PDB file of all heavy atoms in Angstrom:
ATOM      1  N   GLY A   1      60.357  93.492  47.094  1.00  0.00           N
ATOM      2  CA  GLY A   1      60.682  92.142  46.978  1.00  0.00           C
ATOM      3  C   GLY A   1      60.003  91.193  47.865  1.00  0.00           C
ATOM      4  O   GLY A   1      58.805  91.480  48.135  1.00  0.00           O
ATOM      5  N   GLN A   2      60.734  90.284  48.456  1.00  0.00           N
ATOM      6  CA  GLN A   2      60.081  89.410  49.422  1.00  0.00           C
ATOM      7  C   GLN A   2      60.365  89.943  50.886  1.00  0.00           C
ATOM      8  O   GLN A   2      61.468  89.951  51.384  1.00  0.00           O
ATOM      9  CB  GLN A   2      60.733  87.962  49.367  1.00  0.00           C
ATOM     10  CG  GLN A   2      60.346  87.291  48.086  1.00  0.00           C
ATOM     11  CD  GLN A   2      60.914  85.896  47.995  1.00  0.00           C
ATOM     12  OE1 GLN A   2      61.683  85.496  48.842  1.00  0.00           O
ATOM     13  NE2 GLN A   2      60.516  85.136  47.130  1.00  0.00           N
ATOM     14  N   PRO A   3      59.157  90.391  51.600  1.00  0.00           N
ATOM     15  CA  PRO A   3      59.419  90.976  52.878  1.00  0.00           C
ATOM     16  C   PRO A   3      59.693  89.857  53.908  1.00  0.00           C
ATOM     17  O   PRO A   3      59.299  88.790  53.769  1.00  0.00           O
ATOM     18  CB  PRO A   3      58.021  91.611  53.076  1.00  0.00           C
ATOM     19  CG  PRO A   3      57.113  90.846  52.309  1.00  0.00           C
ATOM     20  CD  PRO A   3      57.813  90.399  51.115  1.00  0.00           C
ATOM     21  N   ASN A   4      60.440  90.298  54.973  1.00  0.00           N
ATOM     22  CA  ASN A   4      60.681  89.473  56.149  1.00  0.00           C
ATOM     23  C   ASN A   4      59.363  89.218  56.837  1.00  0.00           C
ATOM     24  O   ASN A   4      59.205  88.031  57.363  1.00  0.00           O
ATOM     25  CB  ASN A   4      61.813  89.989  56.969  1.00  0.00           C
ATOM     26  CG  ASN A   4      63.071  89.952  56.311  1.00  0.00           C
ATOM     27  OD1 ASN A   4      63.343  89.226  55.359  1.00  0.00           O
ATOM     28  ND2 ASN A   4      63.920  91.028  56.708  1.00  0.00           N
ATOM     29  N   THR A   5      58.595  90.206  57.126  1.00  0.00           N
ATOM     30  CA  THR A   5      57.340  90.149  57.841  1.00  0.00           C
ATOM     31  C   THR A   5      56.243  90.941  57.120  1.00  0.00           C
ATOM     32  O   THR A   5      56.467  91.808  56.380  1.00  0.00           O
ATOM     33  CB  THR A   5      57.494  90.660  59.310  1.00  0.00           C
ATOM     34  OG1 THR A   5      57.935  91.973  59.182  1.00  0.00           O
ATOM     35  CG2 THR A   5      58.615  89.890  60.000  1.00  0.00           C
ATOM     36  N   VAL A   6      55.087  90.461  57.509  1.00  0.00           N
ATOM     37  CA  VAL A   6      53.915  91.241  57.048  1.00  0.00           C
ATOM     38  C   VAL A   6      52.985  91.324  58.311  1.00  0.00           C
ATOM     39  O   VAL A   6      52.602  90.303  58.961  1.00  0.00           O
ATOM     40  CB  VAL A   6      53.120  90.536  55.974  1.00  0.00           C
ATOM     41  CG1 VAL A   6      51.887  91.232  55.605  1.00  0.00           C
ATOM     42  CG2 VAL A   6      53.967  90.316  54.705  1.00  0.00           C
ATOM     43  N   LYS A   7      52.636  92.554  58.685  1.00  0.00           N
ATOM     44  CA  LYS A   7      51.774  92.687  59.844  1.00  0.00           C
ATOM     45  C   LYS A   7      50.296  92.274  59.460  1.00  0.00           C
ATOM     46  O   LYS A   7      49.836  92.422  58.314  1.00  0.00           O
ATOM     47  CB  LYS A   7      51.750  94.171  60.203  1.00  0.00           C
ATOM     48  CG  LYS A   7      53.111  94.723  60.678  1.00  0.00           C
ATOM     49  CD  LYS A   7      53.080  96.139  60.968  1.00  0.00           C
ATOM     50  CE  LYS A   7      54.468  96.677  61.376  1.00  0.00           C
ATOM     51  NZ  LYS A   7      54.463  98.062  61.667  1.00  0.00           N
ATOM     52  N   LEU A   8      49.589  91.899  60.559  1.00  0.00           N
ATOM     53  CA  LEU A   8      48.210  91.510  60.337  1.00  0.00           C
ATOM     54  C   LEU A   8      47.438  92.689  59.788  1.00  0.00           C
ATOM     55  O   LEU A   8      46.446  92.391  58.988  1.00  0.00           O
ATOM     56  CB  LEU A   8      47.636  90.887  61.667  1.00  0.00           C
ATOM     57  CG  LEU A   8      48.259  89.645  62.122  1.00  0.00           C
ATOM     58  CD1 LEU A   8      47.704  89.227  63.405  1.00  0.00           C
ATOM     59  CD2 LEU A   8      48.080  88.535  61.127  1.00  0.00           C
ATOM     60  N   ASP A   9      47.709  93.810  60.261  1.00  0.00           N
ATOM     61  CA  ASP A   9      46.901  94.948  59.834  1.00  0.00           C
ATOM     62  C   ASP A   9      47.085  95.201  58.272  1.00  0.00           C
ATOM     63  O   ASP A   9      46.175  95.561  57.568  1.00  0.00           O
ATOM     64  CB  ASP A   9      47.379  96.282  60.546  1.00  0.00           C
ATOM     65  CG  ASP A   9      46.907  96.283  62.010  1.00  0.00           C
ATOM     66  OD1 ASP A   9      46.012  95.560  62.380  1.00  0.00           O
ATOM     67  OD2 ASP A   9      47.431  97.051  62.743  1.00  0.00           O
ATOM     68  N   GLU A  10      48.306  94.987  57.893  1.00  0.00           N
ATOM     69  CA  GLU A  10      48.627  95.210  56.433  1.00  0.00           C
ATOM     70  C   GLU A  10      47.846  93.924  55.607  1.00  0.00           C
ATOM     71  O   GLU A  10      47.321  94.325  54.542  1.00  0.00           O
ATOM     72  CB  GLU A  10      50.093  95.042  56.147  1.00  0.00           C
ATOM     73  CG  GLU A  10      50.899  96.085  56.691  1.00  0.00           C
ATOM     74  CD  GLU A  10      52.369  95.932  56.651  1.00  0.00           C
ATOM     75  OE1 GLU A  10      52.809  94.829  56.367  1.00  0.00           O
ATOM     76  OE2 GLU A  10      53.146  96.877  56.830  1.00  0.00           O
ATOM     77  N   LEU A  11      47.766  92.784  56.202  1.00  0.00           N
ATOM     78  CA  LEU A  11      47.043  91.725  55.413  1.00  0.00           C
ATOM     79  C   LEU A  11      45.454  92.061  55.370  1.00  0.00           C
ATOM     80  O   LEU A  11      44.932  91.772  54.413  1.00  0.00           O
ATOM     81  CB  LEU A  11      47.188  90.471  56.195  1.00  0.00           C
ATOM     82  CG  LEU A  11      48.519  89.679  55.960  1.00  0.00           C
ATOM     83  CD1 LEU A  11      48.527  88.422  56.758  1.00  0.00           C
ATOM     84  CD2 LEU A  11      48.659  89.402  54.514  1.00  0.00           C
ATOM     85  N   ASP A  12      45.016  92.787  56.393  1.00  0.00           N
ATOM     86  CA  ASP A  12      43.623  93.097  56.400  1.00  0.00           C
ATOM     87  C   ASP A  12      43.287  94.191  55.265  1.00  0.00           C
ATOM     88  O   ASP A  12      42.369  94.113  54.613  1.00  0.00           O
ATOM     89  CB  ASP A  12      43.267  93.741  57.777  1.00  0.00           C
ATOM     90  CG  ASP A  12      42.993  92.703  58.788  1.00  0.00           C
ATOM     91  OD1 ASP A  12      42.812  91.503  58.428  1.00  0.00           O
ATOM     92  OD2 ASP A  12      43.100  93.018  59.997  1.00  0.00           O
ATOM     93  N   VAL A  13      44.377  95.095  55.213  1.00  0.00           N
ATOM     94  CA  VAL A  13      44.072  96.173  54.080  1.00  0.00           C
ATOM     95  C   VAL A  13      44.227  95.577  52.891  1.00  0.00           C
ATOM     96  O   VAL A  13      43.437  95.825  51.753  1.00  0.00           O
ATOM     97  CB  VAL A  13      45.283  97.276  54.325  1.00  0.00           C
ATOM     98  CG1 VAL A  13      45.268  98.181  53.155  1.00  0.00           C
ATOM     99  CG2 VAL A  13      45.005  98.025  55.645  1.00  0.00           C
ATOM    100  N   ILE A  14      45.119  94.568  52.494  1.00  0.00           N
ATOM    101  CA  ILE A  14      45.439  94.020  51.268  1.00  0.00           C
ATOM    102  C   ILE A  14      44.149  93.288  50.836  1.00  0.00           C
ATOM    103  O   ILE A  14      43.685  93.228  49.743  1.00  0.00           O
ATOM    104  CB  ILE A  14      46.617  93.071  51.240  1.00  0.00           C
ATOM    105  CG1 ILE A  14      47.918  93.939  51.322  1.00  0.00           C
ATOM    106  CG2 ILE A  14      46.753  92.181  50.037  1.00  0.00           C
ATOM    107  CD1 ILE A  14      49.179  93.146  51.732  1.00  0.00           C
ATOM    108  N   CYS A  15      43.567  92.444  51.845  1.00  0.00           N
ATOM    109  CA  CYS A  15      42.357  91.660  51.603  1.00  0.00           C
ATOM    110  C   CYS A  15      41.239  92.653  51.247  1.00  0.00           C
ATOM    111  O   CYS A  15      40.346  92.331  50.278  1.00  0.00           O
ATOM    112  CB  CYS A  15      42.045  90.858  52.724  1.00  0.00           C
ATOM    113  SG  CYS A  15      43.130  89.413  52.930  1.00  0.00           S
ATOM    114  N   ALA A  16      41.033  93.796  51.944  1.00  0.00           N
ATOM    115  CA  ALA A  16      39.993  94.654  51.693  1.00  0.00           C
ATOM    116  C   ALA A  16      40.058  95.323  50.269  1.00  0.00           C
ATOM    117  O   ALA A  16      39.138  95.398  49.541  1.00  0.00           O
ATOM    118  CB  ALA A  16      40.035  95.746  52.740  1.00  0.00           C
ATOM    119  N   VAL A  17      41.279  95.640  49.938  1.00  0.00           N
ATOM    120  CA  VAL A  17      41.537  96.314  48.505  1.00  0.00           C
ATOM    121  C   VAL A  17      41.269  95.288  47.457  1.00  0.00           C
ATOM    122  O   VAL A  17      40.668  95.526  46.459  1.00  0.00           O
ATOM    123  CB  VAL A  17      42.923  96.742  48.436  1.00  0.00           C
ATOM    124  CG1 VAL A  17      43.331  97.210  47.060  1.00  0.00           C
ATOM    125  CG2 VAL A  17      43.111  98.031  49.400  1.00  0.00           C
ATOM    126  N   LEU A  18      41.758  94.038  47.617  1.00  0.00           N
ATOM    127  CA  LEU A  18      41.668  93.005  46.573  1.00  0.00           C
ATOM    128  C   LEU A  18      40.312  92.264  46.631  1.00  0.00           C
ATOM    129  O   LEU A  18      39.903  91.559  45.649  1.00  0.00           O
ATOM    130  CB  LEU A  18      42.735  92.004  46.696  1.00  0.00           C
ATOM    131  CG  LEU A  18      44.174  92.469  46.469  1.00  0.00           C
ATOM    132  CD1 LEU A  18      45.161  91.287  46.642  1.00  0.00           C
ATOM    133  CD2 LEU A  18      44.391  93.060  45.116  1.00  0.00           C
ATOM    134  N   GLY A  19      39.581  92.421  47.720  1.00  0.00           N
ATOM    135  CA  GLY A  19      38.324  91.767  47.823  1.00  0.00           C
ATOM    136  C   GLY A  19      38.357  90.267  48.008  1.00  0.00           C
ATOM    137  O   GLY A  19      37.637  89.491  47.362  1.00  0.00           O
ATOM    138  N   CYS A  20      39.480  89.811  48.685  1.00  0.00           N
ATOM    139  CA  CYS A  20      39.569  88.426  48.845  1.00  0.00           C
ATOM    140  C   CYS A  20      39.762  88.113  50.435  1.00  0.00           C
ATOM    141  O   CYS A  20      39.762  88.942  51.235  1.00  0.00           O
ATOM    142  CB  CYS A  20      40.828  87.939  48.054  1.00  0.00           C
ATOM    143  SG  CYS A  20      42.399  88.698  48.778  1.00  0.00           S
ATOM    144  N   GLY A  21      40.036  86.817  50.712  1.00  0.00           N
ATOM    145  CA  GLY A  21      40.147  86.395  52.056  1.00  0.00           C
ATOM    146  C   GLY A  21      41.562  85.968  52.249  1.00  0.00           C
ATOM    147  O   GLY A  21      42.388  85.837  51.290  1.00  0.00           O
ATOM    148  N   LEU A  22      41.947  85.802  53.576  1.00  0.00           N
ATOM    149  CA  LEU A  22      43.407  85.378  53.889  1.00  0.00           C
ATOM    150  C   LEU A  22      43.770  84.025  53.162  1.00  0.00           C
ATOM    151  O   LEU A  22      44.837  83.777  52.826  1.00  0.00           O
ATOM    152  CB  LEU A  22      43.584  85.299  55.352  1.00  0.00           C
ATOM    153  CG  LEU A  22      43.621  86.565  56.086  1.00  0.00           C
ATOM    154  CD1 LEU A  22      43.828  86.376  57.578  1.00  0.00           C
ATOM    155  CD2 LEU A  22      44.845  87.392  55.628  1.00  0.00           C
ATOM    156  N   GLU A  23      42.693  83.170  53.158  1.00  0.00           N
ATOM    157  CA  GLU A  23      43.081  81.822  52.625  1.00  0.00           C
ATOM    158  C   GLU A  23      43.427  81.861  51.133  1.00  0.00           C
ATOM    159  O   GLU A  23      43.983  80.934  50.553  1.00  0.00           O
ATOM    160  CB  GLU A  23      41.878  80.885  52.716  1.00  0.00           C
ATOM    161  CG  GLU A  23      40.606  81.252  51.990  1.00  0.00           C
ATOM    162  CD  GLU A  23      39.779  82.329  52.720  1.00  0.00           C
ATOM    163  OE1 GLU A  23      40.082  82.712  53.899  1.00  0.00           O
ATOM    164  OE2 GLU A  23      38.813  82.810  52.150  1.00  0.00           O
ATOM    165  N   GLU A  24      43.166  82.938  50.445  1.00  0.00           N
ATOM    166  CA  GLU A  24      43.474  83.082  49.091  1.00  0.00           C
ATOM    167  C   GLU A  24      44.861  83.691  48.869  1.00  0.00           C
ATOM    168  O   GLU A  24      45.520  83.741  47.839  1.00  0.00           O
ATOM    169  CB  GLU A  24      42.443  84.086  48.346  1.00  0.00           C
ATOM    170  CG  GLU A  24      41.084  83.390  48.274  1.00  0.00           C
ATOM    171  CD  GLU A  24      40.066  84.230  47.671  1.00  0.00           C
ATOM    172  OE1 GLU A  24      39.906  84.384  46.491  1.00  0.00           O
ATOM    173  OE2 GLU A  24      39.397  85.082  48.504  1.00  0.00           O
ATOM    174  N   LEU A  25      45.363  84.493  49.870  1.00  0.00           N
ATOM    175  CA  LEU A  25      46.610  85.107  49.845  1.00  0.00           C
ATOM    176  C   LEU A  25      47.770  84.186  50.490  1.00  0.00           C
ATOM    177  O   LEU A  25      48.831  84.123  49.957  1.00  0.00           O
ATOM    178  CB  LEU A  25      46.627  86.394  50.686  1.00  0.00           C
ATOM    179  CG  LEU A  25      45.843  87.521  50.101  1.00  0.00           C
ATOM    180  CD1 LEU A  25      45.914  88.786  51.065  1.00  0.00           C
ATOM    181  CD2 LEU A  25      46.284  87.887  48.744  1.00  0.00           C
ATOM    182  N   LEU A  26      47.444  83.510  51.534  1.00  0.00           N
ATOM    183  CA  LEU A  26      48.440  82.657  52.213  1.00  0.00           C
ATOM    184  C   LEU A  26      48.359  81.220  51.742  1.00  0.00           C
ATOM    185  O   LEU A  26      47.272  80.538  51.934  1.00  0.00           O
ATOM    186  CB  LEU A  26      48.350  82.805  53.759  1.00  0.00           C
ATOM    187  CG  LEU A  26      48.330  84.183  54.275  1.00  0.00           C
ATOM    188  CD1 LEU A  26      48.031  84.160  55.772  1.00  0.00           C
ATOM    189  CD2 LEU A  26      49.729  84.783  54.025  1.00  0.00           C
ATOM    190  N   LEU A  27      49.411  80.657  51.211  1.00  0.00           N
ATOM    191  CA  LEU A  27      49.402  79.406  50.808  1.00  0.00           C
ATOM    192  C   LEU A  27      50.333  78.515  51.695  1.00  0.00           C
ATOM    193  O   LEU A  27      51.524  78.949  51.771  1.00  0.00           O
ATOM    194  CB  LEU A  27      49.925  79.303  49.242  1.00  0.00           C
ATOM    195  CG  LEU A  27      49.114  80.060  48.314  1.00  0.00           C
ATOM    196  CD1 LEU A  27      49.757  79.989  46.869  1.00  0.00           C
ATOM    197  CD2 LEU A  27      47.659  79.530  48.184  1.00  0.00           C
TER     198      LEU A  27
END
């Protein structure tokens, strides 16, 4: 569901897997 927090390391992994940047994930 909607997590309370997301670690910066997790965001790095998600961006690497999806091939995108943080600006595309965080609105």
